[in-house]
Amino acid sequence: MNFFKKRLNGKASVYLSDTQGPFDLAHLIRGDEIFTDFYDDPGFVRHLMELSTYVYIEATKYLKRVIDEPLNAGYHSNSLYMEGCGVR
């Protein structure tokens, strides 16, 4: 990210990638079994969601700090600026 910020030199914005969300992370970790886990082991799903939510938030804060993007706003595809939201 720092490499591209330097190369672009303000001509375009480096923006946070489309990170989907905590459930997408949980699904990538667990696989399709997560859908039956809601019934078979809801405690596990809750724990996994707490972990993936924590990782999602911390990674977002870190990446936004690197690219100097505010937590409650950002760019997407260099043509869209969003306020009142921080992730895509």
C-alpha atoms as a PDB file:
ATOM      1  CA  MET A   1       0.000   0.000   0.000  1.00  0.00           C
ATOM      2  CA  ASN A   2       2.820   2.386   0.819  1.00  0.00           C
ATOM      3  CA  PHE A   3       4.511   1.530  -2.473  1.00  0.00           C
ATOM      4  CA  PHE A   4       1.402   2.454  -4.452  1.00  0.00           C
ATOM      5  CA  LYS A   5       0.732   5.590  -2.410  1.00  0.00           C
ATOM      6  CA  LYS A   6       4.240   6.760  -3.233  1.00  0.00           C
ATOM      7  CA  ARG A   7       4.029   5.796  -6.924  1.00  0.00           C
ATOM      8  CA  LEU A   8       0.619   7.407  -7.419  1.00  0.00           C
ATOM      9  CA  ASN A   9       1.726  10.578  -5.650  1.00  0.00           C
ATOM     10  CA  GLY A  10      -1.843  11.779  -5.059  1.00  0.00           C
ATOM     11  CA  LYS A  11      -3.006  11.178  -8.657  1.00  0.00           C
ATOM     12  CA  ALA A  12      -5.334   8.411  -7.456  1.00  0.00           C
ATOM     13  CA  SER A  13      -6.394   7.108  -4.091  1.00  0.00           C
ATOM     14  CA  VAL A  14      -5.221   3.864  -2.604  1.00  0.00           C
ATOM     15  CA  TYR A  15      -8.288   2.487  -0.904  1.00  0.00           C
ATOM     16  CA  LEU A  16      -9.252  -0.331   1.408  1.00  0.00           C
ATOM     17  CA  SER A  17      -9.995  -3.492  -0.494  1.00  0.00           C
ATOM     18  CA  ASP A  18     -13.475  -4.973  -0.513  1.00  0.00           C
ATOM     19  CA  THR A  19     -13.098  -7.161   2.552  1.00  0.00           C
ATOM     20  CA  GLN A  20     -16.702  -8.445   2.582  1.00  0.00           C
ATOM     21  CA  GLY A  21     -17.296  -8.964   6.305  1.00  0.00           C
ATOM     22  CA  PRO A  22     -16.853 -11.112   9.397  1.00  0.00           C
ATOM     23  CA  PHE A  23     -19.209 -13.844   8.194  1.00  0.00           C
ATOM     24  CA  ASP A  24     -17.295 -14.166   4.928  1.00  0.00           C
ATOM     25  CA  LEU A  25     -14.096 -14.648   6.936  1.00  0.00           C
ATOM     26  CA  ALA A  26     -15.795 -17.251   9.149  1.00  0.00           C
ATOM     27  CA  HIS A  27     -17.048 -19.073   6.056  1.00  0.00           C
ATOM     28  CA  LEU A  28     -13.577 -19.048   4.507  1.00  0.00           C
ATOM     29  CA  ILE A  29     -12.147 -20.490   7.730  1.00  0.00           C
ATOM     30  CA  ARG A  30     -14.826 -23.129   8.386  1.00  0.00           C
ATOM     31  CA  GLY A  31     -16.170 -23.863   4.946  1.00  0.00           C
ATOM     32  CA  ASP A  32     -19.736 -24.783   4.086  1.00  0.00           C
ATOM     33  CA  GLU A  33     -20.064 -26.693   7.367  1.00  0.00           C
ATOM     34  CA  ILE A  34     -20.732 -23.344   9.018  1.00  0.00           C
ATOM     35  CA  PHE A  35     -24.278 -23.443   7.639  1.00  0.00           C
ATOM     36  CA  THR A  36     -25.140 -26.615   9.542  1.00  0.00           C
ATOM     37  CA  ASP A  37     -23.088 -25.465  12.547  1.00  0.00           C
ATOM     38  CA  PHE A  38     -25.771 -22.856  13.206  1.00  0.00           C
ATOM     39  CA  TYR A  39     -28.009 -25.783  14.164  1.00  0.00           C
ATOM     40  CA  ASP A  40     -25.465 -28.361  15.342  1.00  0.00           C
ATOM     41  CA  ASP A  41     -23.101 -26.124  17.316  1.00  0.00           C
ATOM     42  CA  PRO A  42     -24.329 -22.527  17.695  1.00  0.00           C
ATOM     43  CA  GLY A  43     -21.771 -21.876  20.454  1.00  0.00           C
ATOM     44  CA  PHE A  44     -18.972 -22.636  18.025  1.00  0.00           C
ATOM     45  CA  VAL A  45     -20.469 -20.312  15.418  1.00  0.00           C
ATOM     46  CA  ARG A  46     -20.752 -17.539  17.997  1.00  0.00           C
ATOM     47  CA  HIS A  47     -17.112 -18.011  19.032  1.00  0.00           C
ATOM     48  CA  LEU A  48     -15.915 -18.096  15.416  1.00  0.00           C
ATOM     49  CA  MET A  49     -17.937 -14.960  14.621  1.00  0.00           C
ATOM     50  CA  GLU A  50     -16.441 -13.147  17.622  1.00  0.00           C
ATOM     51  CA  LEU A  51     -12.935 -14.044  16.440  1.00  0.00           C
ATOM     52  CA  SER A  52     -13.543 -13.167  12.800  1.00  0.00           C
ATOM     53  CA  THR A  53     -15.230  -9.888  13.781  1.00  0.00           C
ATOM     54  CA  TYR A  54     -12.235  -8.960  15.924  1.00  0.00           C
ATOM     55  CA  VAL A  55      -9.810  -9.754  13.089  1.00  0.00           C
ATOM     56  CA  TYR A  56     -11.970  -7.870  10.585  1.00  0.00           C
ATOM     57  CA  ILE A  57     -12.093  -4.723  12.726  1.00  0.00           C
ATOM     58  CA  GLU A  58      -8.411  -4.743  13.664  1.00  0.00           C
ATOM     59  CA  ALA A  59      -7.249  -5.405  10.087  1.00  0.00           C
ATOM     60  CA  THR A  60      -9.519  -2.630   8.813  1.00  0.00           C
ATOM     61  CA  LYS A  61      -8.172  -0.145  11.359  1.00  0.00           C
ATOM     62  CA  TYR A  62      -4.589  -1.096  10.513  1.00  0.00           C
ATOM     63  CA  LEU A  63      -5.039  -0.846   6.751  1.00  0.00           C
ATOM     64  CA  LYS A  64      -6.919   2.458   6.994  1.00  0.00           C
ATOM     65  CA  ARG A  65      -4.109   3.859   9.131  1.00  0.00           C
ATOM     66  CA  VAL A  66      -1.564   2.819   6.474  1.00  0.00           C
ATOM     67  CA  ILE A  67      -3.476   4.525   3.650  1.00  0.00           C
ATOM     68  CA  ASP A  68      -4.589   7.547   5.714  1.00  0.00           C
ATOM     69  CA  GLU A  69      -8.256   6.762   5.201  1.00  0.00           C
ATOM     70  CA  PRO A  70     -10.684   7.849   7.940  1.00  0.00           C
ATOM     71  CA  LEU A  71     -12.499   5.120   9.864  1.00  0.00           C
ATOM     72  CA  ASN A  72     -15.939   6.456   8.917  1.00  0.00           C
ATOM     73  CA  ALA A  73     -15.380   7.204   5.226  1.00  0.00           C
ATOM     74  CA  GLY A  74     -13.367   6.119   2.234  1.00  0.00           C
ATOM     75  CA  TYR A  75     -12.856   5.765  -1.478  1.00  0.00           C
ATOM     76  CA  HIS A  76     -13.835   2.879  -3.685  1.00  0.00           C
ATOM     77  CA  SER A  77     -12.669   2.427  -7.264  1.00  0.00           C
ATOM     78  CA  ASN A  78     -11.349   6.013  -7.181  1.00  0.00           C
ATOM     79  CA  SER A  79     -14.673   7.337  -8.432  1.00  0.00           C
ATOM     80  CA  LEU A  80     -16.805   6.782  -5.363  1.00  0.00           C
ATOM     81  CA  TYR A  81     -16.333   8.549  -2.049  1.00  0.00           C
ATOM     82  CA  MET A  82     -18.390   7.310   0.878  1.00  0.00           C
ATOM     83  CA  GLU A  83     -19.145   9.048   4.176  1.00  0.00           C
ATOM     84  CA  GLY A  84     -20.869   7.490   7.144  1.00  0.00           C
ATOM     85  CA  CYS A  85     -19.416   4.066   6.484  1.00  0.00           C
ATOM     86  CA  GLY A  86     -15.954   2.677   6.816  1.00  0.00           C
ATOM     87  CA  VAL A  87     -15.836  -0.652   5.030  1.00  0.00           C
ATOM     88  CA  ARG A  88     -17.155  -2.110   1.826  1.00  0.00           C
END
